Amino acid sequence: MIDPGKFNKRIIICSDGESFSEETGRDEGRESADIRTVWAAVSHVRTSERFQAAAIGAEKTVTFTIRFQPDLTVTEDNFIKYGGRLYNIKSVSDPLEKHETLVITAEAV
């Protein structure tokens, strides 16, 4: 059973969108597009894990757990906005493939 009290932080799942200019006929750079704002449980890497993460250069790793939503697809191509920071998604998993939660591991930009 999922404890709804743990999902107490708002995060925004975003994707990169291309900004195509009709006038010039070329790509004018990339813009982000918000996909969805969701409630999440946010946990930072613990001290023992931090030392292991530092060994591979991932010092600002955060785990976001959200409720599974069948109409929401989250991949490593997306990123997360949370607490005024951006996080690149490193992995997405559905624990035990129960379709209850998604665990998203991300690294601060």
PDB file of N, CA and C in Angstrom:
ATOM      1  N   MET A   1       0.831  -1.178   0.000  1.00  0.00           N
ATOM      2  CA  MET A   1       0.000   0.000   0.000  1.00  0.00           C
ATOM      3  C   MET A   1       0.884   1.253   0.000  1.00  0.00           C
ATOM      4  N   ILE A   2       0.503   2.236  -0.755  1.00  0.00           N
ATOM      5  CA  ILE A   2       1.268   3.479  -0.863  1.00  0.00           C
ATOM      6  C   ILE A   2       0.793   4.449   0.208  1.00  0.00           C
ATOM      7  N   ASP A   3       1.745   5.028   0.935  1.00  0.00           N
ATOM      8  CA  ASP A   3       1.430   6.044   1.937  1.00  0.00           C
ATOM      9  C   ASP A   3       1.338   7.396   1.225  1.00  0.00           C
ATOM     10  N   PRO A   4       0.137   7.969   1.069  1.00  0.00           N
ATOM     11  CA  PRO A   4      -0.005   9.215   0.327  1.00  0.00           C
ATOM     12  C   PRO A   4       0.710  10.397   0.975  1.00  0.00           C
ATOM     13  N   GLY A   5       0.993  10.318   2.273  1.00  0.00           N
ATOM     14  CA  GLY A   5       1.692  11.399   2.958  1.00  0.00           C
ATOM     15  C   GLY A   5       3.129  11.579   2.510  1.00  0.00           C
ATOM     16  N   LYS A   6       3.716  10.552   1.904  1.00  0.00           N
ATOM     17  CA  LYS A   6       5.099  10.647   1.434  1.00  0.00           C
ATOM     18  C   LYS A   6       5.227  11.475   0.163  1.00  0.00           C
ATOM     19  N   PHE A   7       4.154  11.562  -0.601  1.00  0.00           N
ATOM     20  CA  PHE A   7       4.177  12.324  -1.854  1.00  0.00           C
ATOM     21  C   PHE A   7       3.800  13.767  -1.552  1.00  0.00           C
ATOM     22  N   ASN A   8       4.763  14.520  -0.996  1.00  0.00           N
ATOM     23  CA  ASN A   8       4.465  15.864  -0.507  1.00  0.00           C
ATOM     24  C   ASN A   8       5.286  16.978  -1.162  1.00  0.00           C
ATOM     25  N   LYS A   9       5.950  16.680  -2.245  1.00  0.00           N
ATOM     26  CA  LYS A   9       6.742  17.686  -2.972  1.00  0.00           C
ATOM     27  C   LYS A   9       6.234  17.766  -4.409  1.00  0.00           C
ATOM     28  N   ARG A  10       6.136  18.991  -4.933  1.00  0.00           N
ATOM     29  CA  ARG A  10       5.703  19.180  -6.310  1.00  0.00           C
ATOM     30  C   ARG A  10       6.932  19.230  -7.207  1.00  0.00           C
ATOM     31  N   ILE A  11       6.919  18.410  -8.261  1.00  0.00           N
ATOM     32  CA  ILE A  11       7.985  18.432  -9.250  1.00  0.00           C
ATOM     33  C   ILE A  11       7.355  18.618 -10.624  1.00  0.00           C
ATOM     34  N   ILE A  12       8.134  19.111 -11.557  1.00  0.00           N
ATOM     35  CA  ILE A  12       7.661  19.282 -12.926  1.00  0.00           C
ATOM     36  C   ILE A  12       8.514  18.404 -13.821  1.00  0.00           C
ATOM     37  N   ILE A  13       7.862  17.523 -14.552  1.00  0.00           N
ATOM     38  CA  ILE A  13       8.553  16.682 -15.516  1.00  0.00           C
ATOM     39  C   ILE A  13       8.529  17.428 -16.847  1.00  0.00           C
ATOM     40  N   CYS A  14       9.704  17.581 -17.448  1.00  0.00           N
ATOM     41  CA  CYS A  14       9.839  18.393 -18.655  1.00  0.00           C
ATOM     42  C   CYS A  14      10.492  17.599 -19.776  1.00  0.00           C
ATOM     43  N   SER A  15      10.300  18.102 -20.982  1.00  0.00           N
ATOM     44  CA  SER A  15      10.982  17.518 -22.136  1.00  0.00           C
ATOM     45  C   SER A  15      11.599  18.651 -22.934  1.00  0.00           C
ATOM     46  N   ASP A  16      12.608  18.302 -23.716  1.00  0.00           N
ATOM     47  CA  ASP A  16      13.186  19.284 -24.618  1.00  0.00           C
ATOM     48  C   ASP A  16      12.296  19.387 -25.836  1.00  0.00           C
ATOM     49  N   GLY A  17      12.046  20.608 -26.271  1.00  0.00           N
ATOM     50  CA  GLY A  17      11.274  20.826 -27.491  1.00  0.00           C
ATOM     51  C   GLY A  17      12.102  21.650 -28.447  1.00  0.00           C
ATOM     52  N   GLU A  18      11.950  21.400 -29.685  1.00  0.00           N
ATOM     53  CA  GLU A  18      12.701  22.175 -30.663  1.00  0.00           C
ATOM     54  C   GLU A  18      11.906  23.412 -31.012  1.00  0.00           C
ATOM     55  N   SER A  19      12.600  24.540 -31.130  1.00  0.00           N
ATOM     56  CA  SER A  19      11.938  25.775 -31.524  1.00  0.00           C
ATOM     57  C   SER A  19      12.261  26.050 -32.985  1.00  0.00           C
ATOM     58  N   PHE A  20      11.325  25.719 -33.829  1.00  0.00           N
ATOM     59  CA  PHE A  20      11.496  25.874 -35.266  1.00  0.00           C
ATOM     60  C   PHE A  20      10.889  27.199 -35.681  1.00  0.00           C
ATOM     61  N   SER A  21      11.666  28.015 -36.364  1.00  0.00           N
ATOM     62  CA  SER A  21      11.197  29.315 -36.815  1.00  0.00           C
ATOM     63  C   SER A  21      10.634  29.202 -38.227  1.00  0.00           C
ATOM     64  N   GLU A  22       9.371  29.595 -38.376  1.00  0.00           N
ATOM     65  CA  GLU A  22       8.741  29.578 -39.698  1.00  0.00           C
ATOM     66  C   GLU A  22       9.380  30.620 -40.611  1.00  0.00           C
ATOM     67  N   GLU A  23       9.816  31.749 -40.036  1.00  0.00           N
ATOM     68  CA  GLU A  23      10.392  32.829 -40.835  1.00  0.00           C
ATOM     69  C   GLU A  23      11.737  32.454 -41.454  1.00  0.00           C
ATOM     70  N   THR A  24      12.618  31.869 -40.645  1.00  0.00           N
ATOM     71  CA  THR A  24      13.956  31.543 -41.136  1.00  0.00           C
ATOM     72  C   THR A  24      14.058  30.125 -41.679  1.00  0.00           C
ATOM     73  N   GLY A  25      13.104  29.270 -41.308  1.00  0.00           N
ATOM     74  CA  GLY A  25      13.128  27.892 -41.775  1.00  0.00           C
ATOM     75  C   GLY A  25      14.198  27.046 -41.111  1.00  0.00           C
ATOM     76  N   ARG A  26      14.657  27.435 -39.926  1.00  0.00           N
ATOM     77  CA  ARG A  26      15.685  26.649 -39.223  1.00  0.00           C
ATOM     78  C   ARG A  26      15.396  26.591 -37.731  1.00  0.00           C
ATOM     79  N   ASP A  27      16.114  25.729 -37.089  1.00  0.00           N
ATOM     80  CA  ASP A  27      15.966  25.547 -35.649  1.00  0.00           C
ATOM     81  C   ASP A  27      16.670  26.691 -34.945  1.00  0.00           C
ATOM     82  N   GLU A  28      15.948  27.388 -34.086  1.00  0.00           N
ATOM     83  CA  GLU A  28      16.504  28.549 -33.378  1.00  0.00           C
ATOM     84  C   GLU A  28      16.974  28.195 -31.968  1.00  0.00           C
ATOM     85  N   GLY A  29      17.170  26.934 -31.687  1.00  0.00           N
ATOM     86  CA  GLY A  29      17.610  26.516 -30.350  1.00  0.00           C
ATOM     87  C   GLY A  29      16.578  25.602 -29.727  1.00  0.00           C
ATOM     88  N   ARG A  30      16.850  25.168 -28.508  1.00  0.00           N
ATOM     89  CA  ARG A  30      15.945  24.239 -27.842  1.00  0.00           C
ATOM     90  C   ARG A  30      15.239  24.946 -26.696  1.00  0.00           C
ATOM     91  N   GLU A  31      13.987  24.624 -26.538  1.00  0.00           N
ATOM     92  CA  GLU A  31      13.194  25.143 -25.438  1.00  0.00           C
ATOM     93  C   GLU A  31      12.623  23.966 -24.669  1.00  0.00           C
ATOM     94  N   SER A  32      12.431  24.147 -23.378  1.00  0.00           N
ATOM     95  CA  SER A  32      11.835  23.060 -22.602  1.00  0.00           C
ATOM     96  C   SER A  32      10.322  23.210 -22.598  1.00  0.00           C
ATOM     97  N   ALA A  33       9.650  22.094 -22.508  1.00  0.00           N
ATOM     98  CA  ALA A  33       8.196  22.069 -22.429  1.00  0.00           C
ATOM     99  C   ALA A  33       7.804  21.262 -21.204  1.00  0.00           C
ATOM    100  N   ASP A  34       6.959  21.846 -20.361  1.00  0.00           N
ATOM    101  CA  ASP A  34       6.479  21.131 -19.180  1.00  0.00           C
ATOM    102  C   ASP A  34       5.500  20.050 -19.630  1.00  0.00           C
ATOM    103  N   ILE A  35       5.751  18.821 -19.200  1.00  0.00           N
ATOM    104  CA  ILE A  35       4.853  17.715 -19.534  1.00  0.00           C
ATOM    105  C   ILE A  35       3.746  17.627 -18.490  1.00  0.00           C
ATOM    106  N   ARG A  36       4.160  17.576 -17.216  1.00  0.00           N
ATOM    107  CA  ARG A  36       3.174  17.453 -16.149  1.00  0.00           C
ATOM    108  C   ARG A  36       3.796  17.813 -14.810  1.00  0.00           C
ATOM    109  N   THR A  37       2.984  18.409 -13.939  1.00  0.00           N
ATOM    110  CA  THR A  37       3.368  18.669 -12.560  1.00  0.00           C
ATOM    111  C   THR A  37       2.746  17.570 -11.710  1.00  0.00           C
ATOM    112  N   VAL A  38       3.567  16.907 -10.893  1.00  0.00           N
ATOM    113  CA  VAL A  38       3.089  15.773 -10.096  1.00  0.00           C
ATOM    114  C   VAL A  38       3.605  15.879  -8.662  1.00  0.00           C
ATOM    115  N   TRP A  39       2.936  15.164  -7.766  1.00  0.00           N
ATOM    116  CA  TRP A  39       3.395  15.047  -6.388  1.00  0.00           C
ATOM    117  C   TRP A  39       4.431  13.930  -6.327  1.00  0.00           C
ATOM    118  N   ALA A  40       5.488  14.150  -5.552  1.00  0.00           N
ATOM    119  CA  ALA A  40       6.570  13.169  -5.468  1.00  0.00           C
ATOM    120  C   ALA A  40       7.104  13.053  -4.048  1.00  0.00           C
ATOM    121  N   ALA A  41       7.673  11.900  -3.764  1.00  0.00           N
ATOM    122  CA  ALA A  41       8.477  11.706  -2.563  1.00  0.00           C
ATOM    123  C   ALA A  41       9.920  11.921  -3.013  1.00  0.00           C
ATOM    124  N   VAL A  42      10.628  12.804  -2.339  1.00  0.00           N
ATOM    125  CA  VAL A  42      11.988  13.151  -2.739  1.00  0.00           C
ATOM    126  C   VAL A  42      12.954  12.673  -1.672  1.00  0.00           C
ATOM    127  N   SER A  43      13.972  11.925  -2.105  1.00  0.00           N
ATOM    128  CA  SER A  43      14.990  11.489  -1.151  1.00  0.00           C
ATOM    129  C   SER A  43      16.366  11.733  -1.756  1.00  0.00           C
ATOM    130  N   HIS A  44      17.223  12.285  -0.933  1.00  0.00           N
ATOM    131  CA  HIS A  44      18.596  12.559  -1.348  1.00  0.00           C
ATOM    132  C   HIS A  44      19.458  11.351  -1.008  1.00  0.00           C
ATOM    133  N   VAL A  45      20.534  11.206  -1.718  1.00  0.00           N
ATOM    134  CA  VAL A  45      21.428  10.071  -1.503  1.00  0.00           C
ATOM    135  C   VAL A  45      21.980  10.137  -0.082  1.00  0.00           C
ATOM    136  N   ARG A  46      21.943   8.990   0.615  1.00  0.00           N
ATOM    137  CA  ARG A  46      22.468   8.926   1.979  1.00  0.00           C
ATOM    138  C   ARG A  46      23.985   9.002   1.977  1.00  0.00           C
ATOM    139  N   THR A  47      24.575   9.263   3.146  1.00  0.00           N
ATOM    140  CA  THR A  47      26.011   9.472   3.258  1.00  0.00           C
ATOM    141  C   THR A  47      26.813   8.314   2.682  1.00  0.00           C
ATOM    142  N   SER A  48      26.469   7.077   3.034  1.00  0.00           N
ATOM    143  CA  SER A  48      27.235   5.935   2.527  1.00  0.00           C
ATOM    144  C   SER A  48      27.118   5.840   1.015  1.00  0.00           C
ATOM    145  N   GLU A  49      25.922   6.147   0.491  1.00  0.00           N
ATOM    146  CA  GLU A  49      25.726   6.123  -0.956  1.00  0.00           C
ATOM    147  C   GLU A  49      26.436   7.291  -1.626  1.00  0.00           C
ATOM    148  N   ARG A  50      26.536   8.417  -0.891  1.00  0.00           N
ATOM    149  CA  ARG A  50      27.180   9.600  -1.457  1.00  0.00           C
ATOM    150  C   ARG A  50      28.639   9.323  -1.795  1.00  0.00           C
ATOM    151  N   PHE A  51      29.324   8.559  -0.939  1.00  0.00           N
ATOM    152  CA  PHE A  51      30.724   8.238  -1.216  1.00  0.00           C
ATOM    153  C   PHE A  51      30.851   7.368  -2.453  1.00  0.00           C
ATOM    154  N   GLN A  52      29.937   6.418  -2.609  1.00  0.00           N
ATOM    155  CA  GLN A  52      29.939   5.588  -3.808  1.00  0.00           C
ATOM    156  C   GLN A  52      29.604   6.424  -5.033  1.00  0.00           C
ATOM    157  N   ALA A  53      28.631   7.331  -4.902  1.00  0.00           N
ATOM    158  CA  ALA A  53      28.245   8.183  -6.025  1.00  0.00           C
ATOM    159  C   ALA A  53      29.381   9.121  -6.401  1.00  0.00           C
ATOM    160  N   ALA A  54      30.105   9.628  -5.402  1.00  0.00           N
ATOM    161  CA  ALA A  54      31.218  10.537  -5.681  1.00  0.00           C
ATOM    162  C   ALA A  54      32.305   9.835  -6.478  1.00  0.00           C
ATOM    163  N   ALA A  55      32.458   8.547  -6.254  1.00  0.00           N
ATOM    164  CA  ALA A  55      33.471   7.782  -6.974  1.00  0.00           C
ATOM    165  C   ALA A  55      33.187   7.741  -8.469  1.00  0.00           C
ATOM    166  N   ILE A  56      31.906   7.878  -8.837  1.00  0.00           N
ATOM    167  CA  ILE A  56      31.574   7.893 -10.259  1.00  0.00           C
ATOM    168  C   ILE A  56      31.151   9.283 -10.728  1.00  0.00           C
ATOM    169  N   GLY A  57      31.323  10.284  -9.874  1.00  0.00           N
ATOM    170  CA  GLY A  57      31.053  11.662 -10.265  1.00  0.00           C
ATOM    171  C   GLY A  57      29.593  12.074 -10.172  1.00  0.00           C
ATOM    172  N   ALA A  58      28.777  11.371  -9.403  1.00  0.00           N
ATOM    173  CA  ALA A  58      27.360  11.714  -9.272  1.00  0.00           C
ATOM    174  C   ALA A  58      27.080  12.191  -7.854  1.00  0.00           C
ATOM    175  N   GLU A  59      27.592  13.356  -7.504  1.00  0.00           N
ATOM    176  CA  GLU A  59      27.510  13.833  -6.129  1.00  0.00           C
ATOM    177  C   GLU A  59      26.143  14.401  -5.755  1.00  0.00           C
ATOM    178  N   LYS A  60      25.335  14.808  -6.710  1.00  0.00           N
ATOM    179  CA  LYS A  60      24.063  15.452  -6.415  1.00  0.00           C
ATOM    180  C   LYS A  60      22.908  14.591  -6.905  1.00  0.00           C
ATOM    181  N   THR A  61      22.923  13.342  -6.527  1.00  0.00           N
ATOM    182  CA  THR A  61      21.904  12.400  -6.980  1.00  0.00           C
ATOM    183  C   THR A  61      20.685  12.451  -6.069  1.00  0.00           C
ATOM    184  N   VAL A  62      19.505  12.495  -6.680  1.00  0.00           N
ATOM    185  CA  VAL A  62      18.242  12.547  -5.956  1.00  0.00           C
ATOM    186  C   VAL A  62      17.314  11.486  -6.537  1.00  0.00           C
ATOM    187  N   THR A  63      16.523  10.874  -5.672  1.00  0.00           N
ATOM    188  CA  THR A  63      15.525   9.912  -6.122  1.00  0.00           C
ATOM    189  C   THR A  63      14.147  10.527  -5.947  1.00  0.00           C
ATOM    190  N   PHE A  64      13.386  10.557  -7.035  1.00  0.00           N
ATOM    191  CA  PHE A  64      12.014  11.054  -7.029  1.00  0.00           C
ATOM    192  C   PHE A  64      11.098   9.848  -7.225  1.00  0.00           C
ATOM    193  N   THR A  65      10.148   9.659  -6.319  1.00  0.00           N
ATOM    194  CA  THR A  65       9.177   8.581  -6.464  1.00  0.00           C
ATOM    195  C   THR A  65       7.818   9.214  -6.695  1.00  0.00           C
ATOM    196  N   ILE A  66       7.180   8.836  -7.799  1.00  0.00           N
ATOM    197  CA  ILE A  66       5.860   9.368  -8.134  1.00  0.00           C
ATOM    198  C   ILE A  66       4.884   8.211  -8.302  1.00  0.00           C
ATOM    199  N   ARG A  67       3.605   8.532  -8.238  1.00  0.00           N
ATOM    200  CA  ARG A  67       2.591   7.514  -8.507  1.00  0.00           C
ATOM    201  C   ARG A  67       2.621   7.173  -9.983  1.00  0.00           C
ATOM    202  N   PHE A  68       2.422   5.911 -10.281  1.00  0.00           N
ATOM    203  CA  PHE A  68       2.362   5.462 -11.668  1.00  0.00           C
ATOM    204  C   PHE A  68       1.124   6.058 -12.332  1.00  0.00           C
ATOM    205  N   GLN A  69       1.316   6.591 -13.537  1.00  0.00           N
ATOM    206  CA  GLN A  69       0.209   7.128 -14.321  1.00  0.00           C
ATOM    207  C   GLN A  69       0.318   6.531 -15.717  1.00  0.00           C
ATOM    208  N   PRO A  70      -0.665   5.756 -16.142  1.00  0.00           N
ATOM    209  CA  PRO A  70      -0.555   5.056 -17.424  1.00  0.00           C
ATOM    210  C   PRO A  70      -0.392   5.980 -18.629  1.00  0.00           C
ATOM    211  N   ASP A  71      -0.869   7.206 -18.526  1.00  0.00           N
ATOM    212  CA  ASP A  71      -0.762   8.130 -19.659  1.00  0.00           C
ATOM    213  C   ASP A  71       0.476   9.024 -19.591  1.00  0.00           C
ATOM    214  N   LEU A  72       1.388   8.745 -18.653  1.00  0.00           N
ATOM    215  CA  LEU A  72       2.619   9.526 -18.504  1.00  0.00           C
ATOM    216  C   LEU A  72       3.824   8.638 -18.791  1.00  0.00           C
ATOM    217  N   THR A  73       4.607   9.039 -19.775  1.00  0.00           N
ATOM    218  CA  THR A  73       5.830   8.317 -20.109  1.00  0.00           C
ATOM    219  C   THR A  73       7.014   9.171 -19.711  1.00  0.00           C
ATOM    220  N   VAL A  74       7.854   8.645 -18.834  1.00  0.00           N
ATOM    221  CA  VAL A  74       9.053   9.348 -18.385  1.00  0.00           C
ATOM    222  C   VAL A  74      10.251   8.538 -18.850  1.00  0.00           C
ATOM    223  N   THR A  75      11.206   9.221 -19.516  1.00  0.00           N
ATOM    224  CA  THR A  75      12.413   8.555 -20.008  1.00  0.00           C
ATOM    225  C   THR A  75      13.646   9.358 -19.614  1.00  0.00           C
ATOM    226  N   GLU A  76      14.811   8.818 -19.961  1.00  0.00           N
ATOM    227  CA  GLU A  76      16.068   9.515 -19.686  1.00  0.00           C
ATOM    228  C   GLU A  76      16.221  10.768 -20.543  1.00  0.00           C
ATOM    229  N   ASP A  77      15.376  10.940 -21.549  1.00  0.00           N
ATOM    230  CA  ASP A  77      15.413  12.146 -22.385  1.00  0.00           C
ATOM    231  C   ASP A  77      14.717  13.319 -21.712  1.00  0.00           C
ATOM    232  N   ASN A  78      13.942  13.051 -20.663  1.00  0.00           N
ATOM    233  CA  ASN A  78      13.250  14.106 -19.926  1.00  0.00           C
ATOM    234  C   ASN A  78      14.152  14.657 -18.834  1.00  0.00           C
ATOM    235  N   PHE A  79      13.692  15.717 -18.187  1.00  0.00           N
ATOM    236  CA  PHE A  79      14.374  16.230 -17.005  1.00  0.00           C
ATOM    237  C   PHE A  79      13.332  16.732 -16.033  1.00  0.00           C
ATOM    238  N   ILE A  80      13.772  17.041 -14.809  1.00  0.00           N
ATOM    239  CA  ILE A  80      12.867  17.436 -13.732  1.00  0.00           C
ATOM    240  C   ILE A  80      13.255  18.811 -13.215  1.00  0.00           C
ATOM    241  N   LYS A  81      12.238  19.634 -12.948  1.00  0.00           N
ATOM    242  CA  LYS A  81      12.427  20.901 -12.259  1.00  0.00           C
ATOM    243  C   LYS A  81      11.918  20.707 -10.834  1.00  0.00           C
ATOM    244  N   TYR A  82      12.780  21.004  -9.865  1.00  0.00           N
ATOM    245  CA  TYR A  82      12.389  20.870  -8.470  1.00  0.00           C
ATOM    246  C   TYR A  82      13.235  21.809  -7.624  1.00  0.00           C
ATOM    247  N   GLY A  83      12.595  22.561  -6.776  1.00  0.00           N
ATOM    248  CA  GLY A  83      13.294  23.431  -5.839  1.00  0.00           C
ATOM    249  C   GLY A  83      14.211  24.435  -6.509  1.00  0.00           C
ATOM    250  N   GLY A  84      13.822  24.939  -7.662  1.00  0.00           N
ATOM    251  CA  GLY A  84      14.635  25.928  -8.359  1.00  0.00           C
ATOM    252  C   GLY A  84      15.834  25.355  -9.089  1.00  0.00           C
ATOM    253  N   ARG A  85      15.920  24.026  -9.177  1.00  0.00           N
ATOM    254  CA  ARG A  85      17.038  23.381  -9.870  1.00  0.00           C
ATOM    255  C   ARG A  85      16.523  22.461 -10.962  1.00  0.00           C
ATOM    256  N   LEU A  86      17.412  22.124 -11.871  1.00  0.00           N
ATOM    257  CA  LEU A  86      17.112  21.160 -12.923  1.00  0.00           C
ATOM    258  C   LEU A  86      17.856  19.867 -12.636  1.00  0.00           C
ATOM    259  N   TYR A  87      17.209  18.741 -12.930  1.00  0.00           N
ATOM    260  CA  TYR A  87      17.802  17.425 -12.704  1.00  0.00           C
ATOM    261  C   TYR A  87      17.688  16.603 -13.979  1.00  0.00           C
ATOM    262  N   ASN A  88      18.819  16.089 -14.441  1.00  0.00           N
ATOM    263  CA  ASN A  88      18.827  15.180 -15.590  1.00  0.00           C
ATOM    264  C   ASN A  88      18.457  13.789 -15.102  1.00  0.00           C
ATOM    265  N   ILE A  89      17.524  13.154 -15.780  1.00  0.00           N
ATOM    266  CA  ILE A  89      17.084  11.822 -15.392  1.00  0.00           C
ATOM    267  C   ILE A  89      18.110  10.796 -15.855  1.00  0.00           C
ATOM    268  N   LYS A  90      18.553   9.973 -14.926  1.00  0.00           N
ATOM    269  CA  LYS A  90      19.536   8.924 -15.216  1.00  0.00           C
ATOM    270  C   LYS A  90      18.885   7.557 -15.375  1.00  0.00           C
ATOM    271  N   SER A  91      17.798   7.303 -14.632  1.00  0.00           N
ATOM    272  CA  SER A  91      17.093   6.028 -14.779  1.00  0.00           C
ATOM    273  C   SER A  91      15.656   6.169 -14.288  1.00  0.00           C
ATOM    274  N   VAL A  92      14.790   5.315 -14.828  1.00  0.00           N
ATOM    275  CA  VAL A  92      13.384   5.262 -14.441  1.00  0.00           C
ATOM    276  C   VAL A  92      13.032   3.790 -14.261  1.00  0.00           C
ATOM    277  N   SER A  93      12.431   3.463 -13.115  1.00  0.00           N
ATOM    278  CA  SER A  93      12.051   2.062 -12.905  1.00  0.00           C
ATOM    279  C   SER A  93      10.661   1.960 -12.292  1.00  0.00           C
ATOM    280  N   ASP A  94      10.019   0.853 -12.563  1.00  0.00           N
ATOM    281  CA  ASP A  94       8.715   0.505 -12.015  1.00  0.00           C
ATOM    282  C   ASP A  94       8.965  -0.673 -11.075  1.00  0.00           C
ATOM    283  N   PRO A  95       9.136  -0.399  -9.757  1.00  0.00           N
ATOM    284  CA  PRO A  95       9.497  -1.469  -8.823  1.00  0.00           C
ATOM    285  C   PRO A  95       8.534  -2.654  -8.888  1.00  0.00           C
ATOM    286  N   LEU A  96       9.105  -3.822  -9.057  1.00  0.00           N
ATOM    287  CA  LEU A  96       8.365  -5.079  -9.121  1.00  0.00           C
ATOM    288  C   LEU A  96       7.318  -5.094 -10.238  1.00  0.00           C
ATOM    289  N   GLU A  97       7.382  -4.130 -11.128  1.00  0.00           N
ATOM    290  CA  GLU A  97       6.451  -4.017 -12.263  1.00  0.00           C
ATOM    291  C   GLU A  97       4.991  -4.098 -11.822  1.00  0.00           C
ATOM    292  N   LYS A  98       4.690  -3.440 -10.697  1.00  0.00           N
ATOM    293  CA  LYS A  98       3.330  -3.438 -10.154  1.00  0.00           C
ATOM    294  C   LYS A  98       2.487  -2.283 -10.694  1.00  0.00           C
ATOM    295  N   HIS A  99       3.096  -1.351 -11.378  1.00  0.00           N
ATOM    296  CA  HIS A  99       2.406  -0.163 -11.892  1.00  0.00           C
ATOM    297  C   HIS A  99       1.740   0.638 -10.766  1.00  0.00           C
ATOM    298  N   GLU A 100       2.465   0.766  -9.653  1.00  0.00           N
ATOM    299  CA  GLU A 100       1.993   1.588  -8.543  1.00  0.00           C
ATOM    300  C   GLU A 100       2.796   2.877  -8.456  1.00  0.00           C
ATOM    301  N   THR A 101       4.124   2.753  -8.586  1.00  0.00           N
ATOM    302  CA  THR A 101       4.998   3.915  -8.510  1.00  0.00           C
ATOM    303  C   THR A 101       6.054   3.847  -9.602  1.00  0.00           C
ATOM    304  N   LEU A 102       6.657   5.002  -9.875  1.00  0.00           N
ATOM    305  CA  LEU A 102       7.843   5.097 -10.713  1.00  0.00           C
ATOM    306  C   LEU A 102       8.946   5.690  -9.856  1.00  0.00           C
ATOM    307  N   VAL A 103      10.115   5.084  -9.893  1.00  0.00           N
ATOM    308  CA  VAL A 103      11.264   5.600  -9.152  1.00  0.00           C
ATOM    309  C   VAL A 103      12.215   6.202 -10.188  1.00  0.00           C
ATOM    310  N   ILE A 104      12.433   7.505 -10.047  1.00  0.00           N
ATOM    311  CA  ILE A 104      13.244   8.246 -10.995  1.00  0.00           C
ATOM    312  C   ILE A 104      14.517   8.689 -10.294  1.00  0.00           C
ATOM    313  N   THR A 105      15.648   8.248 -10.788  1.00  0.00           N
ATOM    314  CA  THR A 105      16.939   8.678 -10.250  1.00  0.00           C
ATOM    315  C   THR A 105      17.465   9.773 -11.152  1.00  0.00           C
ATOM    316  N   ALA A 106      17.818  10.900 -10.551  1.00  0.00           N
ATOM    317  CA  ALA A 106      18.242  12.049 -11.341  1.00  0.00           C
ATOM    318  C   ALA A 106      19.440  12.729 -10.690  1.00  0.00           C
ATOM    319  N   GLU A 107      20.161  13.481 -11.505  1.00  0.00           N
ATOM    320  CA  GLU A 107      21.354  14.180 -11.048  1.00  0.00           C
ATOM    321  C   GLU A 107      21.188  15.670 -11.321  1.00  0.00           C
ATOM    322  N   ALA A 108      21.535  16.487 -10.324  1.00  0.00           N
ATOM    323  CA  ALA A 108      21.417  17.937 -10.472  1.00  0.00           C
ATOM    324  C   ALA A 108      22.346  18.437 -11.568  1.00  0.00           C
ATOM    325  N   VAL A 109      21.859  19.409 -12.320  1.00  0.00           N
ATOM    326  CA  VAL A 109      22.639  19.984 -13.416  1.00  0.00           C
ATOM    327  C   VAL A 109      23.560  21.031 -12.827  1.00  0.00           C
TER     328      VAL A 109
END
